[in-house]
Amino acid sequence: MIVVGLTGGIGSGKTTIGKYFESYNIPVYIADKEAKALMNRSKVIKRKLIELFGEYAYKDGKLNRPYLASKIFSDKSLLSKMNAIVHPKVASHFKRWLKKQDAPYVLKEAAIVFENNLEHQYDYIVIVVADEELRIERVMKRDDTSRKKVKSIIDNQLSDEEKIKKSHFVIFNNDLDVAKQQVEEIHHAILQKIK
């Protein structure tokens, strides 16, 4: 099965682009969504996160995301340790999901492919980019958060220029109609490559 990575910085519109691919009956695995679900569902992950972050890692049985975010923000080594707990479980979950798919290829949406040196896991990579100001506005609206917080996340991610150099396809997601057209072109290009 051909696995296509769908990546891009925060607010670039990966999920919207993923939906456009789904309109061509291409299955999309959203790694961040599955990671969050596993962090709430897996007893092993829960136990290990409580060992790492303490009893406040979960509140009323659910992942205490604001608490974890505050811990990770002030100590980057905690982020690496958390990823070492969560990522292998997500990878196993993805492998099981992949076996059930019946399509010419699948998309795996993941925000930090290049930051985690995971590009080798994909046959092709599609990067979604958008103007920074538009990305900031999208995230502020979506997450009801401050400009400063969004800007700090963007500044901590690899630049679009760096990601474009490492990607096979680029979608410029400032205008949805243009982006939709680019998805159609990329979909056909991938089908041609797999023939």
Protein backbone atom coordinates (compact mmCIF):
# COMPACT_ATOMS: atom_id res chain seq x y z
CA MET A 1 0.00 0.00 0.00
CA ILE A 2 1.31 3.43 -0.98
CA VAL A 3 1.40 5.79 2.01
CA VAL A 4 1.34 9.51 1.27
CA GLY A 5 2.24 11.89 4.07
CA LEU A 6 0.10 15.01 4.39
CA THR A 7 1.89 17.60 6.46
CA GLY A 8 2.09 21.33 7.08
CA GLY A 9 2.46 23.81 9.88
CA ILE A 10 -0.27 24.72 12.33
CA GLY A 11 -3.20 26.46 10.62
CA SER A 12 -2.09 25.52 7.10
CA GLY A 13 -5.35 23.61 6.56
CA LYS A 14 -4.21 19.98 6.46
CA THR A 15 -7.59 18.66 7.64
CA THR A 16 -9.49 20.58 4.95
CA ILE A 17 -7.08 19.29 2.29
CA GLY A 18 -7.49 15.77 3.70
CA LYS A 19 -11.27 16.08 3.17
CA TYR A 20 -10.68 17.01 -0.48
CA PHE A 21 -8.64 13.80 -0.92
CA GLU A 22 -11.42 11.84 0.81
CA SER A 23 -13.79 13.06 -1.90
CA TYR A 24 -11.71 10.85 -4.26
CA ASN A 25 -12.28 7.88 -1.88
CA ILE A 26 -8.77 8.14 -0.46
CA PRO A 27 -8.69 7.05 3.21
CA VAL A 28 -7.11 9.59 5.57
CA TYR A 29 -5.51 8.69 8.90
CA ILE A 30 -5.19 11.74 11.17
CA ALA A 31 -2.24 10.95 13.42
CA ASP A 32 -2.83 13.78 15.94
CA LYS A 33 -6.49 12.82 16.40
CA GLU A 34 -5.59 9.15 16.88
CA ALA A 35 -2.79 10.05 19.31
CA LYS A 36 -5.26 12.05 21.45
CA ALA A 37 -7.75 9.17 21.37
CA LEU A 38 -5.07 6.66 22.38
CA MET A 39 -3.88 8.94 25.20
CA ASN A 40 -7.40 8.74 26.62
CA ARG A 41 -8.05 5.07 25.80
CA SER A 42 -4.81 3.15 26.36
CA LYS A 43 -4.20 2.05 29.94
CA VAL A 44 -0.48 1.65 29.21
CA ILE A 45 -0.14 5.19 27.86
CA LYS A 46 -2.18 6.58 30.79
CA ARG A 47 0.03 4.82 33.32
CA LYS A 48 3.24 6.00 31.67
CA LEU A 49 2.04 9.60 31.28
CA ILE A 50 1.05 9.73 34.95
CA GLU A 51 4.53 8.40 35.83
CA LEU A 52 6.07 11.13 33.64
CA PHE A 53 3.86 14.14 34.48
CA GLY A 54 2.31 13.22 37.81
CA GLU A 55 -1.30 12.71 38.90
CA TYR A 56 -2.49 15.94 37.19
CA ALA A 57 -1.80 14.44 33.73
CA TYR A 58 -5.44 13.30 33.79
CA LYS A 59 -8.45 15.11 35.16
CA ASP A 60 -11.73 13.23 35.67
CA GLY A 61 -10.23 10.33 33.69
CA LYS A 62 -9.52 12.50 30.64
CA LEU A 63 -6.18 13.81 29.41
CA ASN A 64 -5.47 17.20 31.04
CA ARG A 65 -4.19 18.90 27.88
CA PRO A 66 -3.67 22.43 29.28
CA TYR A 67 -1.58 20.97 32.13
CA LEU A 68 0.53 18.84 29.76
CA ALA A 69 0.97 21.77 27.36
CA SER A 70 2.25 24.00 30.18
CA LYS A 71 4.73 21.30 31.28
CA ILE A 72 6.00 20.60 27.75
CA PHE A 73 6.28 24.29 26.91
CA SER A 74 8.69 24.89 29.78
CA ASP A 75 10.65 21.63 29.34
CA LYS A 76 11.30 20.33 25.82
CA SER A 77 12.78 17.04 27.12
CA LEU A 78 9.32 16.15 28.47
CA LEU A 79 7.93 16.46 24.94
CA SER A 80 10.51 13.93 23.66
CA LYS A 81 9.68 11.57 26.53
CA MET A 82 5.95 11.89 25.89
CA ASN A 83 6.46 11.28 22.16
CA ALA A 84 8.51 8.16 22.98
CA ILE A 85 5.47 6.84 24.89
CA VAL A 86 2.77 7.85 22.40
CA HIS A 87 4.35 7.58 18.93
CA PRO A 88 5.06 3.81 18.94
CA LYS A 89 1.42 3.15 19.93
CA VAL A 90 0.16 5.43 17.13
CA ALA A 91 2.50 3.66 14.67
CA SER A 92 1.06 0.24 15.67
CA HIS A 93 -2.49 1.59 15.42
CA PHE A 94 -1.72 2.99 11.94
CA LYS A 95 -0.34 -0.39 10.76
CA ARG A 96 -3.54 -2.14 11.87
CA TRP A 97 -5.66 0.57 10.18
CA LEU A 98 -3.60 0.29 6.98
CA LYS A 99 -4.30 -3.46 6.65
CA LYS A 100 -8.04 -2.74 6.49
CA GLN A 101 -7.78 -0.19 3.65
CA ASP A 102 -8.62 -0.92 0.05
CA ALA A 103 -7.60 2.09 -2.06
CA PRO A 104 -4.82 2.89 -4.53
CA TYR A 105 -3.09 4.83 -1.72
CA VAL A 106 -3.78 6.29 1.72
CA LEU A 107 -2.98 9.62 3.31
CA LYS A 108 -1.48 9.93 6.76
CA GLU A 109 -1.93 13.44 8.12
CA ALA A 110 0.82 14.35 10.57
CA ALA A 111 1.97 17.82 11.61
CA ILE A 112 5.61 17.17 12.41
CA VAL A 113 6.95 14.72 9.83
CA PHE A 114 10.24 16.50 9.16
CA GLU A 115 10.77 17.74 12.72
CA ASN A 116 10.75 14.10 13.88
CA ASN A 117 12.73 12.83 10.85
CA LEU A 118 9.86 10.56 9.79
CA GLU A 119 9.94 11.27 6.04
CA HIS A 120 11.30 7.74 5.37
CA GLN A 121 7.90 6.33 6.44
CA TYR A 122 6.19 7.74 3.35
CA ASP A 123 6.28 6.97 -0.37
CA TYR A 124 5.38 10.59 -1.17
CA ILE A 125 4.89 13.72 0.91
CA VAL A 126 2.36 16.50 0.27
CA ILE A 127 3.04 19.74 2.12
CA VAL A 128 0.23 22.24 2.75
CA VAL A 129 1.35 25.85 3.09
CA ALA A 130 -0.49 29.12 3.60
CA ASP A 131 0.41 32.72 4.40
CA GLU A 132 1.46 33.10 8.03
CA GLU A 133 -1.13 35.77 8.81
CA LEU A 134 -3.92 33.56 7.47
CA ARG A 135 -2.62 30.61 9.52
CA ILE A 136 -2.52 32.73 12.69
CA GLU A 137 -6.12 33.91 12.11
CA ARG A 138 -7.35 30.35 11.44
CA VAL A 139 -5.82 28.97 14.65
CA MET A 140 -6.91 31.90 16.82
CA LYS A 141 -10.48 31.35 15.61
CA ARG A 142 -10.34 27.52 15.80
CA ASP A 143 -8.66 27.21 19.21
CA ASP A 144 -9.84 30.49 20.76
CA THR A 145 -6.23 31.33 21.54
CA SER A 146 -3.91 34.34 21.40
CA ARG A 147 -1.83 35.56 18.45
CA LYS A 148 1.30 35.32 20.63
CA LYS A 149 0.68 31.63 21.40
CA VAL A 150 0.06 30.72 17.74
CA LYS A 151 3.14 32.69 16.64
CA SER A 152 5.31 30.84 19.17
CA ILE A 153 4.08 27.47 17.81
CA ILE A 154 4.81 28.57 14.23
CA ASP A 155 8.27 29.78 15.26
CA ASN A 156 9.00 26.38 16.87
CA GLN A 157 8.08 24.47 13.71
CA LEU A 158 10.38 24.01 10.73
CA SER A 159 9.91 26.74 8.11
CA ASP A 160 7.70 26.11 5.08
CA GLU A 161 10.72 26.71 2.83
CA GLU A 162 12.59 23.84 4.50
CA LYS A 163 9.56 21.53 4.30
CA ILE A 164 8.89 22.37 0.63
CA LYS A 165 12.46 21.31 -0.27
CA LYS A 166 11.81 17.88 1.27
CA SER A 167 8.31 17.34 -0.17
CA HIS A 168 7.13 15.79 -3.44
CA PHE A 169 4.02 17.97 -3.82
CA VAL A 170 3.03 21.42 -2.53
CA ILE A 171 -0.50 22.75 -1.97
CA PHE A 172 -0.86 26.50 -1.51
CA ASN A 173 -3.92 26.81 0.73
CA ASN A 174 -4.67 30.53 0.73
CA ASP A 175 -7.64 30.09 -1.62
CA LEU A 176 -9.83 27.00 -1.20
CA ASP A 177 -10.84 26.76 -4.87
CA VAL A 178 -7.19 26.84 -5.96
CA ALA A 179 -6.28 24.29 -3.26
CA LYS A 180 -9.10 21.98 -4.40
CA GLN A 181 -7.76 22.13 -7.96
CA GLN A 182 -4.24 21.32 -6.71
CA VAL A 183 -5.60 18.29 -4.80
CA GLU A 184 -7.18 16.98 -7.99
CA GLU A 185 -3.89 17.40 -9.90
CA ILE A 186 -1.85 15.73 -7.15
CA HIS A 187 -4.34 12.87 -6.83
CA HIS A 188 -4.00 12.12 -10.56
CA ALA A 189 -0.20 12.53 -10.41
CA ILE A 190 0.03 9.98 -7.57
CA LEU A 191 -2.22 7.54 -9.46
CA GLN A 192 0.09 7.91 -12.49
CA LYS A 193 3.15 7.21 -10.33
CA ILE A 194 1.68 4.02 -8.89
CA LYS A 195 0.60 2.55 -12.23
